[in-house]
Every structure is written in C-alpha cells, then in structure tokens.
Amino acid sequence: MGFLLLVQSKTDLTISTTKVEMNFSSQKSRNTSQRCFGLTCHRVLSSLPTQRAFFGSNPPDTKLGDDGPSLISKWVLFQLGPVLSLGLPTYVEELVIRTFPLPPFLVKKDYRRLYDFFYHSSGFVQDEAEKLGISREEVCHNLLFATCFNTFGGMKIFFPNMLKWISRAGVKLHTDLAQEIRSAIRSNGGKLTMAAMEQMPLMKSVVYEGLRIEPPVPSQYGRAKKDLLIESHDAVYLVKAGEMLYGYQPFATKDPKIFENPEEFVPDRFMGDDGGRLLKHVLWSNGPETEDPTTANKQCAGKDFVVLVSRLFVVELFRRYDSFEIEVGKSPLGAAVTVTSLKRASF
C-alpha cells in the first residue's frame, strides 16, 4: 500500500488535502528545511514494510511509478465531490458538483492504472480469494477501494488535522514526545520497531486524541435493516426497519459525560488504565476503536492502517525535530497546514 502514501519532497510537500509549505526569511533556509521535512514525511510514508509485505513489489519500480498519490487524489475527489465544499457560493456548488454526477470517464484511465498495479502486485491475495470463491477482479476492486479510499482518503484528512493539534499543544508536548520516542528507539538498539512503538504511550495517546477531537470522517449514514432501540444517557429511541439514520461522531467523541474537557486537546487522555477504557468511545464508521473489521462487522477497512501510519508519522517527525510551528488555513477536506518553522533535533 506504500505507493498511495508517497510524498513529494521537491518544491512542495503534499501530505494531505493541501500543500505543506515552508516559509522562512531566506530562500536558502526555506529550501533546506523544506527538503528536510519533506524527506521525513517521505520516509514515513514510502518506506513502510507493508509496501512489499502486502503487494510484493515496490511501486516506483512498476509502471505506476511515482504517480500513485496524484492518481488517487483525483479519484477520491470524484468520490467525495457531492459532499465537498469548495468555498464557492452555495447555489454555484449545488449546480456544479451536486446536481449532476461527475463524469466517470475523467478518471477511468487513472483508475485502470491503479487497478493494473493491484492486479499484478497482489497475486497471492488473489490466489487465496479464489479458494474462497471470490473472483480475482472483485478482489482487486476491493483492495483498491480499501487502500485508496478508506486508508489514503482518511489520512488525507487526518494528517493535517493531527499536525494542527500537536502544534497548538506547544513546545512542552513536543519535548515530551521527542524524549519518549528517542528513548524508546535507543532502548531497542537504535531501530524503530513495532516493539519500540509499544513503548511510546504518549505518542499513541496523542494519535487517539487527534482522532477523538476531530474524526477524519465525522458523518455516517445507514438504513436500519430491522426495528431497533437506540439508547442515549437519558432516553431510548425506537427506529423502524427501513428508516434512514445519520450519525455525527463528535456528538459522541465530545460527550462531556464521557470525556473531561471534551473541547480541549489533552495529549495524555488515553494513557494508563483509565485512558485505555476510554478507547471504546473513539469511533470509526461502524463502531469503536476497540472493534476490528470482520465479515459480520463492517468496520472501517482502513482503520488499523490509518492508526499505524499516523503513529509512524509522529515518530519520524520527532525523531528528527524538537519542535515546529505552523499556520492553519482551510481546504475542502479539512485543515490546510503551512509549516513556518522547524527546530532540528538537539538531543
């Protein structure tokens, strides 16, 4: 899945819905810091072990080359077009992107290139699927959707939001993260391993707190398949089969009866036993963080991968930098983050 996560580190750095730019007083300083930060993000997102473990090939060495991120971004944009806001007057957006379906032929060729990569790079997965009676074509379409839409799409929204909250938390949090991360890596022979990441409770809590305070996909829709009762703290609601349901995650993830100071970003909220018990209130598309996708549970297919890569992003950032500052703007999918300063690791 690594090809979906490659980050350009030339004149701009695309890690999310926007460009992450470096604004410094001198062009030389700007370019140096830009390259450093770009290489950090590129390392996080392009050298993941899952790149070969999942597909057995290195995307840049295939016909796909380095085009994965741009192809995916375009395709995802067409999927999300009807719910996006481009900042235009409402009547213009309703006419341009919501009245008529966006023509699929504009992304058909791009989708085909992505499909061909999955088809030629996931043979062993297709072999297993055929034993279960699933066609190779169906497997490829599902792999593509789970990887490109569920995972890549989620990170396009979540990464800039997470940077925003970590930056706003201030230098003390940055120092605490850097100390924890570097200490854990040193105690594991100087290598970043899964075991080392398990020794970083603050880092893990920060990622969960980012997901809690600003879920990357806050809205869900569904139609009730049977009559059911939905309970809140103080009421019970009867839902009839066939009725449409709409869920807005922040109503739950900012519930003051569950979370103390719910509107505040609390980095260590999910540390310790008490913090672990709160994880069931961090929600995804079809359930809590504590549940996994199964054939009977249509949980977010990219859930675990988004968490893993988000942790890697934080780790790699604070391996190399003591602190950073940003400016935050708006984009159709969330925050537009501009990095204005970086302080290289000093310990």
Protein backbone atom coordinates (compact mmCIF):
# COMPACT_ATOMS: atom_id res chain seq x y z
CA MET A 1 0.00 0.00 0.00
CA GLY A 2 3.03 2.21 0.14
CA PHE A 3 2.55 3.75 -3.29
CA LEU A 4 -0.56 5.51 -2.09
CA LEU A 5 1.40 7.23 0.61
CA LEU A 6 4.39 8.60 -1.25
CA VAL A 7 5.09 12.25 -0.53
CA GLN A 8 6.66 14.68 -2.94
CA SER A 9 9.70 16.40 -1.48
CA LYS A 10 10.63 18.81 -4.24
CA THR A 11 9.13 22.28 -4.35
CA ASP A 12 6.10 21.41 -2.32
CA LEU A 13 5.15 18.66 0.08
CA THR A 14 1.77 17.06 -0.36
CA ILE A 15 0.85 15.11 2.75
CA SER A 16 -2.84 15.79 2.89
CA THR A 17 -5.54 17.87 1.37
CA THR A 18 -3.17 20.74 0.74
CA LYS A 19 0.41 21.75 0.22
CA VAL A 20 2.58 21.88 3.29
CA GLU A 21 4.92 24.73 2.57
CA MET A 22 7.96 26.08 4.36
CA ASN A 23 8.01 29.84 4.84
CA PHE A 24 11.34 31.18 6.05
CA SER A 25 13.12 34.51 5.86
CA SER A 26 15.81 33.33 3.46
CA GLN A 27 15.34 31.16 0.40
CA LYS A 28 18.33 29.02 1.37
CA SER A 29 16.92 28.31 4.81
CA ARG A 30 13.49 27.72 3.32
CA ASN A 31 14.76 25.20 0.78
CA THR A 32 16.94 23.34 3.30
CA SER A 33 14.17 22.98 5.87
CA GLN A 34 11.69 22.10 3.15
CA ARG A 35 13.87 19.25 1.94
CA CYS A 36 14.46 18.00 5.50
CA PHE A 37 10.78 17.99 6.38
CA GLY A 38 9.91 16.52 3.01
CA LEU A 39 12.37 13.68 3.43
CA THR A 40 10.98 12.97 6.89
CA CYS A 41 7.45 12.61 5.54
CA HIS A 42 8.68 10.69 2.51
CA ARG A 43 10.44 8.21 4.82
CA VAL A 44 7.33 7.71 6.89
CA LEU A 45 5.02 7.12 4.00
CA SER A 46 7.10 5.44 1.33
CA SER A 47 9.31 3.03 3.27
CA LEU A 48 6.59 1.15 5.12
CA PRO A 49 7.19 -2.58 5.40
CA THR A 50 3.61 -3.17 4.20
CA GLN A 51 4.63 -1.90 0.78
CA ARG A 52 6.32 -5.21 0.00
CA ALA A 53 4.57 -7.36 2.61
CA PHE A 54 1.14 -6.66 1.12
CA PHE A 55 1.99 -6.49 -2.58
CA GLY A 56 5.47 -7.94 -3.03
CA SER A 57 6.61 -5.08 -5.25
CA ASN A 58 7.95 -1.57 -5.00
CA PRO A 59 5.51 0.82 -6.75
CA PRO A 60 8.17 3.15 -8.23
CA ASP A 61 9.71 0.10 -9.91
CA THR A 62 6.42 -0.73 -11.68
CA LYS A 63 4.56 1.00 -14.50
CA LEU A 64 2.75 3.03 -11.87
CA GLY A 65 5.96 4.83 -10.95
CA ASP A 66 5.56 7.79 -8.61
CA ASP A 67 2.11 8.74 -9.93
CA GLY A 68 0.16 6.90 -7.21
CA PRO A 69 -0.65 9.87 -4.94
CA SER A 70 -1.87 12.14 -7.73
CA LEU A 71 -3.97 9.40 -9.32
CA ILE A 72 -5.57 8.52 -6.01
CA SER A 73 -6.21 12.12 -5.05
CA LYS A 74 -8.07 12.73 -8.30
CA TRP A 75 -10.13 9.56 -7.98
CA VAL A 76 -11.01 10.21 -4.32
CA LEU A 77 -12.00 13.77 -5.20
CA PHE A 78 -14.59 12.40 -7.63
CA GLN A 79 -15.98 10.04 -4.98
CA LEU A 80 -16.30 12.82 -2.40
CA GLY A 81 -17.33 15.58 -4.80
CA PRO A 82 -21.02 15.61 -3.80
CA VAL A 83 -20.19 16.32 -0.13
CA LEU A 84 -17.29 18.73 -0.59
CA SER A 85 -17.34 22.46 -0.13
CA LEU A 86 -15.10 24.41 -2.47
CA GLY A 87 -15.74 27.74 -0.80
CA LEU A 88 -18.00 28.88 -3.62
CA PRO A 89 -21.49 30.31 -3.14
CA THR A 90 -23.92 27.54 -2.25
CA TYR A 91 -26.02 27.91 -5.39
CA VAL A 92 -22.89 27.57 -7.55
CA GLU A 93 -21.71 24.41 -5.76
CA GLU A 94 -25.19 22.89 -5.94
CA LEU A 95 -25.24 23.46 -9.69
CA VAL A 96 -21.65 22.44 -10.46
CA ILE A 97 -20.92 19.43 -8.24
CA ARG A 98 -24.24 18.24 -6.77
CA THR A 99 -26.88 18.48 -9.47
CA PHE A 100 -25.31 16.08 -11.96
CA PRO A 101 -22.97 13.09 -11.46
CA LEU A 102 -19.34 13.91 -12.17
CA PRO A 103 -18.41 12.20 -15.47
CA PRO A 104 -16.52 8.97 -14.66
CA PHE A 105 -14.59 8.99 -17.94
CA LEU A 106 -12.39 11.74 -16.48
CA VAL A 107 -10.88 9.26 -14.01
CA LYS A 108 -11.40 5.97 -15.85
CA LYS A 109 -7.85 5.82 -17.24
CA ASP A 110 -6.36 6.72 -13.85
CA TYR A 111 -8.41 4.05 -12.13
CA ARG A 112 -7.26 1.49 -14.70
CA ARG A 113 -3.60 2.21 -13.94
CA LEU A 114 -4.24 1.72 -10.25
CA TYR A 115 -6.22 -1.45 -10.88
CA ASP A 116 -3.41 -2.87 -13.02
CA PHE A 117 -0.93 -2.26 -10.22
CA PHE A 118 -3.10 -4.13 -7.73
CA TYR A 119 -3.77 -6.91 -10.20
CA HIS A 120 -0.09 -7.55 -10.94
CA SER A 121 1.16 -6.97 -7.39
CA SER A 122 -1.25 -8.94 -5.23
CA GLY A 123 -1.26 -12.35 -6.83
CA PHE A 124 -1.00 -14.31 -3.58
CA VAL A 125 -4.02 -12.45 -2.16
CA GLN A 126 -6.00 -13.23 -5.30
CA ASP A 127 -4.99 -16.89 -5.04
CA GLU A 128 -6.37 -17.09 -1.51
CA ALA A 129 -9.55 -15.29 -2.53
CA GLU A 130 -10.21 -17.71 -5.37
CA LYS A 131 -10.12 -20.57 -2.86
CA LEU A 132 -12.99 -18.80 -1.09
CA GLY A 133 -14.96 -18.38 -4.31
CA ILE A 134 -14.15 -14.71 -4.87
CA SER A 135 -13.03 -13.65 -8.34
CA ARG A 136 -9.65 -12.02 -8.85
CA GLU A 137 -11.32 -8.96 -10.35
CA GLU A 138 -13.54 -8.46 -7.31
CA VAL A 139 -10.54 -8.81 -5.01
CA CYS A 140 -8.61 -6.14 -6.90
CA HIS A 141 -11.50 -3.68 -6.85
CA ASN A 142 -11.94 -4.22 -3.11
CA LEU A 143 -8.22 -3.90 -2.40
CA LEU A 144 -8.12 -0.71 -4.39
CA PHE A 145 -11.11 0.79 -2.61
CA ALA A 146 -9.96 -0.21 0.88
CA THR A 147 -6.47 1.12 0.27
CA CYS A 148 -7.18 4.21 -1.78
CA PHE A 149 -10.46 5.43 -0.35
CA ASN A 150 -10.63 4.06 3.21
CA THR A 151 -6.96 4.41 4.10
CA PHE A 152 -5.41 7.05 1.87
CA GLY A 153 -8.56 9.16 1.92
CA GLY A 154 -8.67 9.08 5.71
CA MET A 155 -5.04 10.14 6.03
CA LYS A 156 -5.54 12.97 3.53
CA ILE A 157 -7.88 14.47 6.10
CA PHE A 158 -6.34 13.30 9.37
CA PHE A 159 -2.65 14.14 8.88
CA PRO A 160 -3.04 17.93 8.66
CA ASN A 161 -5.56 17.91 11.50
CA MET A 162 -3.16 15.96 13.69
CA LEU A 163 -0.31 18.35 12.88
CA LYS A 164 -2.57 21.24 13.78
CA TRP A 165 -3.45 19.92 17.23
CA ILE A 166 0.09 18.82 18.08
CA SER A 167 1.47 22.19 17.06
CA ARG A 168 -1.10 24.10 19.10
CA ALA A 169 -0.32 21.99 22.18
CA GLY A 170 3.05 23.71 22.41
CA VAL A 171 6.73 23.07 22.99
CA LYS A 172 6.29 21.07 26.20
CA LEU A 173 4.34 18.35 24.39
CA HIS A 174 6.88 18.41 21.55
CA THR A 175 9.74 17.92 24.03
CA ASP A 176 7.90 15.12 25.85
CA LEU A 177 7.20 13.32 22.58
CA ALA A 178 10.79 13.70 21.37
CA GLN A 179 12.16 12.35 24.65
CA GLU A 180 9.80 9.38 24.74
CA ILE A 181 10.30 8.46 21.09
CA ARG A 182 14.10 8.78 21.05
CA SER A 183 14.45 6.93 24.35
CA ALA A 184 12.34 4.00 23.14
CA ILE A 185 14.31 3.75 19.90
CA ARG A 186 17.63 3.82 21.76
CA SER A 187 16.46 1.07 24.10
CA ASN A 188 15.68 -1.08 21.04
CA GLY A 189 19.15 -0.91 19.57
CA GLY A 190 18.58 2.34 17.71
CA LYS A 191 15.95 0.74 15.48
CA LEU A 192 12.32 1.73 15.03
CA THR A 193 10.37 -1.49 15.53
CA MET A 194 6.83 -2.39 16.50
CA ALA A 195 8.17 -3.29 19.95
CA ALA A 196 9.71 0.17 20.25
CA MET A 197 6.44 1.83 19.30
CA GLU A 198 4.65 -0.10 22.04
CA GLN A 199 6.95 1.69 24.50
CA MET A 200 5.58 5.09 23.44
CA PRO A 201 2.30 5.53 25.36
CA LEU A 202 2.23 9.32 24.98
CA MET A 203 2.69 9.09 21.22
CA LYS A 204 -0.12 6.55 20.96
CA SER A 205 -2.39 8.67 23.14
CA VAL A 206 -1.72 11.76 21.00
CA VAL A 207 -2.86 9.91 17.88
CA TYR A 208 -6.04 8.68 19.56
CA GLU A 209 -6.76 12.15 20.92
CA GLY A 210 -6.43 13.56 17.41
CA LEU A 211 -8.94 11.01 16.17
CA ARG A 212 -11.27 11.80 19.06
CA ILE A 213 -11.32 15.58 18.89
CA GLU A 214 -11.59 15.78 15.10
CA PRO A 215 -12.59 12.47 13.44
CA PRO A 216 -11.41 12.35 9.81
CA VAL A 217 -14.83 11.14 8.63
CA PRO A 218 -17.33 12.58 11.13
CA SER A 219 -20.58 11.70 9.34
CA GLN A 220 -22.13 8.32 8.59
CA TYR A 221 -25.39 7.25 7.01
CA GLY A 222 -27.20 3.95 7.11
CA ARG A 223 -30.61 2.39 6.69
CA ALA A 224 -31.98 0.27 9.52
CA LYS A 225 -32.35 -3.38 8.49
CA LYS A 226 -34.70 -4.17 11.36
CA ASP A 227 -36.53 -2.48 14.21
CA LEU A 228 -34.13 -1.49 16.95
CA LEU A 229 -33.76 0.63 20.05
CA ILE A 230 -31.03 3.23 20.34
CA GLU A 231 -30.16 4.40 23.82
CA SER A 232 -28.57 7.63 24.99
CA HIS A 233 -27.64 8.57 28.56
CA ASP A 234 -31.20 9.53 29.39
CA ALA A 235 -33.54 8.36 26.62
CA VAL A 236 -34.41 5.45 24.34
CA TYR A 237 -35.36 5.85 20.68
CA LEU A 238 -37.31 3.39 18.56
CA VAL A 239 -36.03 3.08 14.99
CA LYS A 240 -38.16 1.25 12.43
CA ALA A 241 -36.76 -1.02 9.73
CA GLY A 242 -36.08 0.92 6.55
CA GLU A 243 -35.60 4.29 8.25
CA MET A 244 -32.51 6.31 7.34
CA LEU A 245 -30.05 7.00 10.14
CA TYR A 246 -27.44 9.73 10.32
CA GLY A 247 -24.60 9.72 12.81
CA TYR A 248 -22.31 12.61 13.69
CA GLN A 249 -19.30 11.28 15.59
CA PRO A 250 -18.36 14.44 17.53
CA PHE A 251 -21.68 14.21 19.41
CA ALA A 252 -20.19 11.08 20.99
CA THR A 253 -16.46 11.80 20.95
CA LYS A 254 -17.04 15.15 22.68
CA ASP A 255 -19.66 13.88 25.10
CA PRO A 256 -18.99 15.74 28.41
CA LYS A 257 -20.46 12.79 30.33
CA ILE A 258 -17.67 10.60 28.96
CA PHE A 259 -14.74 12.95 28.36
CA GLU A 260 -13.50 15.58 30.78
CA ASN A 261 -12.88 18.90 29.00
CA PRO A 262 -14.10 17.42 25.71
CA GLU A 263 -13.35 20.50 23.61
CA GLU A 264 -9.70 20.54 24.70
CA PHE A 265 -6.85 18.58 23.13
CA VAL A 266 -5.48 16.55 26.05
CA PRO A 267 -2.38 14.65 24.83
CA ASP A 268 -2.26 12.10 27.66
CA ARG A 269 -6.01 11.42 27.77
CA PHE A 270 -5.63 7.80 26.63
CA MET A 271 -2.66 6.85 28.81
CA GLY A 272 -2.89 4.35 31.65
CA ASP A 273 -5.76 2.02 32.56
CA ASP A 274 -8.33 4.81 32.68
CA GLY A 275 -7.25 6.04 29.26
CA GLY A 276 -7.44 2.53 27.85
CA ARG A 277 -11.05 2.22 28.96
CA LEU A 278 -11.90 5.39 27.03
CA LEU A 279 -10.83 3.86 23.71
CA LYS A 280 -14.26 2.30 23.23
CA HIS A 281 -15.56 5.86 22.86
CA VAL A 282 -13.19 6.68 19.97
CA LEU A 283 -15.42 5.95 17.00
CA TRP A 284 -14.98 4.91 13.39
CA SER A 285 -17.55 4.42 10.66
CA ASN A 286 -19.23 1.37 12.15
CA GLY A 287 -18.08 1.09 15.72
CA PRO A 288 -15.42 1.85 18.33
CA GLU A 289 -11.64 1.72 18.12
CA THR A 290 -11.71 -1.48 20.20
CA GLU A 291 -13.50 -3.47 17.46
CA ASP A 292 -11.93 -4.93 14.33
CA PRO A 293 -13.37 -5.39 10.83
CA THR A 294 -14.86 -8.84 10.31
CA THR A 295 -17.33 -10.46 7.94
CA ALA A 296 -20.02 -9.64 10.49
CA ASN A 297 -18.76 -6.15 11.36
CA LYS A 298 -18.42 -3.63 8.55
CA GLN A 299 -15.90 -1.57 10.47
CA CYS A 300 -13.70 0.89 8.55
CA ALA A 301 -11.43 -1.25 6.38
CA GLY A 302 -8.55 1.24 6.69
CA LYS A 303 -8.90 1.76 10.44
CA ASP A 304 -5.84 -0.07 11.73
CA PHE A 305 -3.61 1.06 8.89
CA VAL A 306 -4.50 4.72 9.45
CA VAL A 307 -3.61 4.39 13.14
CA LEU A 308 -0.30 2.65 12.34
CA VAL A 309 0.83 5.17 9.74
CA SER A 310 -0.27 8.10 11.91
CA ARG A 311 1.92 6.74 14.71
CA LEU A 312 4.83 6.37 12.30
CA PHE A 313 4.32 9.93 11.15
CA VAL A 314 4.54 11.31 14.69
CA VAL A 315 7.53 9.10 15.50
CA GLU A 316 9.52 10.05 12.42
CA LEU A 317 8.71 13.73 12.91
CA PHE A 318 10.01 13.85 16.48
CA ARG A 319 13.00 11.63 15.74
CA ARG A 320 14.30 14.46 13.61
CA TYR A 321 12.86 17.65 15.09
CA ASP A 322 12.49 19.05 18.58
CA SER A 323 9.60 21.34 17.68
CA PHE A 324 7.75 23.03 14.84
CA GLU A 325 5.30 25.85 14.20
CA ILE A 326 2.52 26.10 11.64
CA GLU A 327 -0.14 28.32 10.15
CA VAL A 328 -3.57 26.84 9.61
CA GLY A 329 -5.98 27.63 6.80
CA LYS A 330 -8.94 25.85 5.25
CA SER A 331 -9.34 23.33 2.47
CA PRO A 332 -12.30 21.35 1.07
CA LEU A 333 -11.42 18.34 3.24
CA GLY A 334 -10.20 19.98 6.43
CA ALA A 335 -7.18 21.95 7.54
CA ALA A 336 -4.59 23.49 5.24
CA VAL A 337 -1.32 23.38 7.15
CA THR A 338 1.70 25.56 6.38
CA VAL A 339 4.85 24.76 8.37
CA THR A 340 6.57 28.04 9.23
CA SER A 341 9.50 26.82 11.35
CA LEU A 342 11.32 23.64 12.28
CA LYS A 343 13.85 23.05 15.07
CA ARG A 344 16.19 20.17 14.33
CA ALA A 345 16.85 17.52 16.97
CA SER A 346 19.26 18.78 19.60
CA PHE A 347 19.44 15.76 21.93
